[in-house]
């Protein structure tokens, strides 16, 4: 069974949601340009001033995303 990895970027401040949504656009563009697979790219609003953007990928693709996009953290899921 393939392990899925969730790569996460944290955004804080009054514009956190807007910035996280914009970051998701870049994640999708990156995947499309390099023809990379992913399960989901989305935003979660934790509070009014804290949001995350994330991409869920197979473990085999994680290094490509990680090295190019420098996520703040990751989770095995």
C-alpha atoms as a PDB file:
ATOM      1  CA  UNK A   1       0.000   0.000   0.000  1.00  0.00           C
ATOM      2  CA  UNK A   2       1.299   3.442  -0.916  1.00  0.00           C
ATOM      3  CA  UNK A   3       1.956   5.902   1.876  1.00  0.00           C
ATOM      4  CA  UNK A   4       0.539   9.361   1.367  1.00  0.00           C
ATOM      5  CA  UNK A   5       2.426  12.416   2.559  1.00  0.00           C
ATOM      6  CA  UNK A   6       0.781  15.747   3.345  1.00  0.00           C
ATOM      7  CA  UNK A   7       3.157  18.665   2.764  1.00  0.00           C
ATOM      8  CA  UNK A   8       2.056  21.787   4.615  1.00  0.00           C
ATOM      9  CA  UNK A   9       2.734  25.519   4.385  1.00  0.00           C
ATOM     10  CA  UNK A  10       1.654  27.770   7.275  1.00  0.00           C
ATOM     11  CA  UNK A  11       0.398  31.320   6.745  1.00  0.00           C
ATOM     12  CA  UNK A  12      -0.341  33.793   9.520  1.00  0.00           C
ATOM     13  CA  UNK A  13      -1.774  37.289   9.648  1.00  0.00           C
ATOM     14  CA  UNK A  14      -4.793  39.173   8.401  1.00  0.00           C
ATOM     15  CA  UNK A  15      -4.158  38.033   4.803  1.00  0.00           C
ATOM     16  CA  UNK A  16      -3.432  34.386   5.668  1.00  0.00           C
ATOM     17  CA  UNK A  17      -6.434  32.957   3.796  1.00  0.00           C
ATOM     18  CA  UNK A  18      -5.780  34.988   0.657  1.00  0.00           C
ATOM     19  CA  UNK A  19      -2.092  34.048   0.652  1.00  0.00           C
ATOM     20  CA  UNK A  20      -2.810  30.348   1.259  1.00  0.00           C
ATOM     21  CA  UNK A  21      -5.325  30.286  -1.608  1.00  0.00           C
ATOM     22  CA  UNK A  22      -2.791  31.942  -3.891  1.00  0.00           C
ATOM     23  CA  UNK A  23      -0.138  29.432  -2.817  1.00  0.00           C
ATOM     24  CA  UNK A  24      -2.479  26.600  -3.854  1.00  0.00           C
ATOM     25  CA  UNK A  25      -2.603  28.060  -7.357  1.00  0.00           C
ATOM     26  CA  UNK A  26       1.193  27.824  -7.506  1.00  0.00           C
ATOM     27  CA  UNK A  27       1.132  24.248  -6.208  1.00  0.00           C
ATOM     28  CA  UNK A  28      -1.283  23.256  -8.980  1.00  0.00           C
ATOM     29  CA  UNK A  29       0.817  25.042 -11.601  1.00  0.00           C
ATOM     30  CA  UNK A  30       3.965  23.286 -10.386  1.00  0.00           C
ATOM     31  CA  UNK A  31       2.263  19.884 -10.583  1.00  0.00           C
ATOM     32  CA  UNK A  32       0.925  20.615 -14.075  1.00  0.00           C
ATOM     33  CA  UNK A  33       4.237  21.895 -15.461  1.00  0.00           C
ATOM     34  CA  UNK A  34       6.196  18.903 -14.179  1.00  0.00           C
ATOM     35  CA  UNK A  35       3.322  16.473 -14.842  1.00  0.00           C
ATOM     36  CA  UNK A  36       3.329  15.344 -11.196  1.00  0.00           C
ATOM     37  CA  UNK A  37       0.546  13.405  -9.554  1.00  0.00           C
ATOM     38  CA  UNK A  38      -1.196  14.511  -6.383  1.00  0.00           C
ATOM     39  CA  UNK A  39      -4.333  13.556  -4.477  1.00  0.00           C
ATOM     40  CA  UNK A  40      -5.426  16.923  -3.179  1.00  0.00           C
ATOM     41  CA  UNK A  41      -4.331  20.535  -2.992  1.00  0.00           C
ATOM     42  CA  UNK A  42      -6.360  22.728  -0.669  1.00  0.00           C
ATOM     43  CA  UNK A  43      -6.535  25.301   2.112  1.00  0.00           C
ATOM     44  CA  UNK A  44      -7.700  24.916   5.708  1.00  0.00           C
ATOM     45  CA  UNK A  45      -8.575  28.002   7.709  1.00  0.00           C
ATOM     46  CA  UNK A  46      -7.605  27.304  11.312  1.00  0.00           C
ATOM     47  CA  UNK A  47      -8.541  30.775  12.598  1.00  0.00           C
ATOM     48  CA  UNK A  48      -9.008  34.280  11.219  1.00  0.00           C
ATOM     49  CA  UNK A  49      -5.251  34.778  11.256  1.00  0.00           C
ATOM     50  CA  UNK A  50      -3.898  31.276  10.617  1.00  0.00           C
ATOM     51  CA  UNK A  51      -4.353  29.116   7.508  1.00  0.00           C
ATOM     52  CA  UNK A  52      -2.521  26.248   5.910  1.00  0.00           C
ATOM     53  CA  UNK A  53      -2.085  25.268   2.291  1.00  0.00           C
ATOM     54  CA  UNK A  54      -1.316  21.641   1.606  1.00  0.00           C
ATOM     55  CA  UNK A  55      -0.706  19.033  -1.050  1.00  0.00           C
ATOM     56  CA  UNK A  56      -1.136  15.290  -0.534  1.00  0.00           C
ATOM     57  CA  UNK A  57       1.203  13.153  -2.626  1.00  0.00           C
ATOM     58  CA  UNK A  58       2.512   9.602  -2.796  1.00  0.00           C
ATOM     59  CA  UNK A  59       5.687   9.088  -0.812  1.00  0.00           C
ATOM     60  CA  UNK A  60       7.608   8.456  -4.064  1.00  0.00           C
ATOM     61  CA  UNK A  61       6.819  12.037  -5.238  1.00  0.00           C
ATOM     62  CA  UNK A  62       7.403  13.718  -1.883  1.00  0.00           C
ATOM     63  CA  UNK A  63      11.092  14.489  -2.417  1.00  0.00           C
ATOM     64  CA  UNK A  64      10.404  16.257  -5.715  1.00  0.00           C
ATOM     65  CA  UNK A  65       7.794  18.503  -4.106  1.00  0.00           C
ATOM     66  CA  UNK A  66       9.801  19.007  -0.911  1.00  0.00           C
ATOM     67  CA  UNK A  67      13.058  19.969  -2.578  1.00  0.00           C
ATOM     68  CA  UNK A  68      11.463  22.375  -5.052  1.00  0.00           C
ATOM     69  CA  UNK A  69       8.791  23.976  -2.859  1.00  0.00           C
ATOM     70  CA  UNK A  70      10.225  23.902   0.693  1.00  0.00           C
ATOM     71  CA  UNK A  71       7.149  23.078   2.790  1.00  0.00           C
ATOM     72  CA  UNK A  72       7.194  24.125   6.423  1.00  0.00           C
ATOM     73  CA  UNK A  73       6.335  20.623   7.594  1.00  0.00           C
ATOM     74  CA  UNK A  74       4.838  17.308   6.569  1.00  0.00           C
ATOM     75  CA  UNK A  75       2.660  14.530   7.896  1.00  0.00           C
ATOM     76  CA  UNK A  76       2.322  10.873   7.025  1.00  0.00           C
ATOM     77  CA  UNK A  77      -1.272  10.132   6.270  1.00  0.00           C
END
